[in-house]
C-alpha atoms as a PDB file:
ATOM      1  CA  MET A   1      90.440 199.225  35.247  1.00  0.00           C
ATOM      2  CA  ASN A   2      89.567 201.087  32.074  1.00  0.00           C
ATOM      3  CA  ALA A   3      91.980 201.914  29.262  1.00  0.00           C
ATOM      4  CA  TRP A   4      92.473 205.519  30.341  1.00  0.00           C
ATOM      5  CA  GLY A   5      93.405 204.357  33.848  1.00  0.00           C
ATOM      6  CA  TYR A   6      95.977 201.997  32.352  1.00  0.00           C
ATOM      7  CA  LEU A   7      97.327 204.845  30.246  1.00  0.00           C
ATOM      8  CA  ALA A   8      97.640 207.061  33.338  1.00  0.00           C
ATOM      9  CA  LEU A   9      99.507 204.279  35.166  1.00  0.00           C
ATOM     10  CA  ALA A  10     101.756 203.782  32.129  1.00  0.00           C
ATOM     11  CA  ILE A  11     102.653 207.476  32.200  1.00  0.00           C
ATOM     12  CA  LEU A  12     103.300 207.443  35.950  1.00  0.00           C
ATOM     13  CA  ALA A  13     105.477 204.314  35.755  1.00  0.00           C
ATOM     14  CA  GLU A  14     107.446 205.710  32.806  1.00  0.00           C
ATOM     15  CA  VAL A  15     108.055 209.001  34.611  1.00  0.00           C
ATOM     16  CA  ILE A  16     109.258 207.182  37.733  1.00  0.00           C
ATOM     17  CA  ALA A  17     111.526 204.933  35.659  1.00  0.00           C
ATOM     18  CA  THR A  18     112.971 207.817  33.673  1.00  0.00           C
ATOM     19  CA  SER A  19     113.591 209.822  36.843  1.00  0.00           C
ATOM     20  CA  ALA A  20     115.415 206.848  38.353  1.00  0.00           C
ATOM     21  CA  LEU A  21     117.459 206.430  35.164  1.00  0.00           C
ATOM     22  CA  LYS A  22     119.537 209.482  36.036  1.00  0.00           C
ATOM     23  CA  ALA A  23     120.139 208.159  39.563  1.00  0.00           C
ATOM     24  CA  ALA A  24     121.045 204.706  38.173  1.00  0.00           C
ATOM     25  CA  ASN A  25     124.206 206.320  36.782  1.00  0.00           C
ATOM     26  CA  GLY A  26     124.648 203.995  33.816  1.00  0.00           C
ATOM     27  CA  PHE A  27     123.109 201.081  35.752  1.00  0.00           C
ATOM     28  CA  SER A  28     125.968 201.220  38.257  1.00  0.00           C
ATOM     29  CA  GLN A  29     123.604 201.831  41.208  1.00  0.00           C
ATOM     30  CA  LEU A  30     121.512 198.788  42.145  1.00  0.00           C
ATOM     31  CA  VAL A  31     118.347 200.257  43.679  1.00  0.00           C
ATOM     32  CA  PRO A  32     117.723 202.937  41.034  1.00  0.00           C
ATOM     33  CA  SER A  33     118.508 200.363  38.322  1.00  0.00           C
ATOM     34  CA  VAL A  34     115.852 198.020  39.709  1.00  0.00           C
ATOM     35  CA  VAL A  35     113.377 200.928  39.791  1.00  0.00           C
ATOM     36  CA  VAL A  36     114.185 201.658  36.128  1.00  0.00           C
ATOM     37  CA  ILE A  37     113.619 198.068  35.024  1.00  0.00           C
ATOM     38  CA  ALA A  38     110.449 197.609  37.090  1.00  0.00           C
ATOM     39  CA  GLY A  39     109.111 201.008  36.044  1.00  0.00           C
ATOM     40  CA  TYR A  40     109.593 200.482  32.334  1.00  0.00           C
ATOM     41  CA  GLY A  41     108.179 196.951  32.569  1.00  0.00           C
ATOM     42  CA  THR A  42     105.093 198.301  34.317  1.00  0.00           C
ATOM     43  CA  ALA A  43     104.818 201.195  31.864  1.00  0.00           C
ATOM     44  CA  PHE A  44     104.856 198.965  28.802  1.00  0.00           C
ATOM     45  CA  TYR A  45     102.460 196.465  30.339  1.00  0.00           C
ATOM     46  CA  CYS A  46      99.978 199.234  31.180  1.00  0.00           C
ATOM     47  CA  LEU A  47     100.451 200.874  27.786  1.00  0.00           C
ATOM     48  CA  SER A  48      99.693 197.567  26.072  1.00  0.00           C
ATOM     49  CA  ALA A  49      96.563 197.178  28.208  1.00  0.00           C
ATOM     50  CA  ALA A  50      95.443 200.693  27.258  1.00  0.00           C
ATOM     51  CA  LEU A  51      95.925 199.862  23.584  1.00  0.00           C
ATOM     52  CA  ARG A  52      93.087 197.354  23.774  1.00  0.00           C
ATOM     53  CA  SER A  53      90.694 200.253  23.244  1.00  0.00           C
ATOM     54  CA  VAL A  54      92.687 203.481  22.812  1.00  0.00           C
ATOM     55  CA  PRO A  55      94.057 204.044  19.285  1.00  0.00           C
ATOM     56  CA  LEU A  56      97.834 203.561  19.098  1.00  0.00           C
ATOM     57  CA  GLY A  57      98.669 207.031  17.793  1.00  0.00           C
ATOM     58  CA  ILE A  58      96.495 208.756  20.364  1.00  0.00           C
ATOM     59  CA  ALA A  59      97.786 206.656  23.278  1.00  0.00           C
ATOM     60  CA  TYR A  60     101.404 207.162  22.295  1.00  0.00           C
ATOM     61  CA  ALA A  61     100.966 210.896  21.740  1.00  0.00           C
ATOM     62  CA  ILE A  62      99.435 211.301  25.190  1.00  0.00           C
ATOM     63  CA  TRP A  63     101.940 208.948  26.846  1.00  0.00           C
ATOM     64  CA  SER A  64     104.985 210.600  25.366  1.00  0.00           C
ATOM     65  CA  GLY A  65     103.667 214.177  25.567  1.00  0.00           C
ATOM     66  CA  VAL A  66     102.562 214.075  29.188  1.00  0.00           C
ATOM     67  CA  GLY A  67     105.665 212.075  30.110  1.00  0.00           C
ATOM     68  CA  THR A  68     107.930 214.645  28.442  1.00  0.00           C
ATOM     69  CA  ALA A  69     106.288 217.544  30.268  1.00  0.00           C
ATOM     70  CA  LEU A  70     106.426 215.753  33.636  1.00  0.00           C
ATOM     71  CA  ILE A  71     110.068 214.744  33.186  1.00  0.00           C
ATOM     72  CA  ALA A  72     110.976 218.337  32.316  1.00  0.00           C
ATOM     73  CA  LEU A  73     109.233 219.487  35.488  1.00  0.00           C
ATOM     74  CA  ILE A  74     111.023 216.829  37.559  1.00  0.00           C
ATOM     75  CA  GLY A  75     114.325 217.932  36.020  1.00  0.00           C
ATOM     76  CA  VAL A  76     113.670 221.481  37.176  1.00  0.00           C
ATOM     77  CA  VAL A  77     112.446 220.544  40.672  1.00  0.00           C
ATOM     78  CA  LEU A  78     114.668 217.597  41.635  1.00  0.00           C
ATOM     79  CA  TYR A  79     117.785 218.133  39.551  1.00  0.00           C
ATOM     80  CA  LYS A  80     117.753 221.960  39.512  1.00  0.00           C
ATOM     81  CA  GLN A  81     117.953 221.995  35.713  1.00  0.00           C
ATOM     82  CA  LYS A  82     117.097 225.250  33.969  1.00  0.00           C
ATOM     83  CA  LEU A  83     114.675 225.599  31.059  1.00  0.00           C
ATOM     84  CA  ASP A  84     115.168 228.476  28.668  1.00  0.00           C
ATOM     85  CA  PRO A  85     112.188 230.198  27.009  1.00  0.00           C
ATOM     86  CA  ALA A  86     112.438 228.021  23.888  1.00  0.00           C
ATOM     87  CA  ALA A  87     112.275 224.851  26.017  1.00  0.00           C
ATOM     88  CA  MET A  88     109.278 226.154  27.936  1.00  0.00           C
ATOM     89  CA  LEU A  89     107.534 227.094  24.686  1.00  0.00           C
ATOM     90  CA  GLY A  90     108.224 223.662  23.235  1.00  0.00           C
ATOM     91  CA  ILE A  91     106.882 221.893  26.309  1.00  0.00           C
ATOM     92  CA  GLY A  92     103.852 224.181  26.272  1.00  0.00           C
ATOM     93  CA  LEU A  93     103.200 223.220  22.644  1.00  0.00           C
ATOM     94  CA  ILE A  94     103.427 219.525  23.557  1.00  0.00           C
ATOM     95  CA  VAL A  95     100.881 220.005  26.348  1.00  0.00           C
ATOM     96  CA  ALA A  96      98.671 222.010  23.987  1.00  0.00           C
ATOM     97  CA  GLY A  97      98.835 219.189  21.460  1.00  0.00           C
ATOM     98  CA  VAL A  98      97.745 216.632  24.048  1.00  0.00           C
ATOM     99  CA  LEU A  99      94.862 218.892  25.066  1.00  0.00           C
ATOM    100  CA  VAL A 100      93.771 219.364  21.449  1.00  0.00           C
ATOM    101  CA  LEU A 101      93.810 215.586  20.927  1.00  0.00           C
ATOM    102  CA  ASN A 102      91.695 214.991  24.005  1.00  0.00           C
ATOM    103  CA  LEU A 103      89.284 217.882  23.717  1.00  0.00           C
ATOM    104  CA  PHE A 104      88.689 218.190  19.986  1.00  0.00           C
ATOM    105  CA  SER A 105      89.732 215.023  18.156  1.00  0.00           C
ATOM    106  CA  ARG A 106      87.172 212.348  17.463  1.00  0.00           C
ATOM    107  CA  SER A 107      90.065 209.880  17.243  1.00  0.00           C
ATOM    108  CA  SER A 108      90.438 209.887  21.025  1.00  0.00           C
ATOM    109  CA  ALA A 109      86.782 209.458  21.880  1.00  0.00           C
ATOM    110  CA  HIS A 110      86.474 208.503  25.528  1.00  0.00           C
END
């Protein structure tokens, strides 16, 4: 698998783990707690594999930015959380930043 595939898996695993973190209820629920531990372990393994060829700052910016946007969306859909206009603007700016990094920066050359 290439580095960008590992980065995508890292993001997916982190989003799953973070989503399960709420259900783990302070690690008092066994199954969600196991999902959290396995998810974060997988996320960091895949992130470290991606870092073999993707620059650290670029990988982390994409990982955290896309993860933040996806978690916000999951919060709205699964947990019925509300986002005010400032939150939506902030998330939009994060997504815009990730797009700028990928489309225009030579630092993230594919």
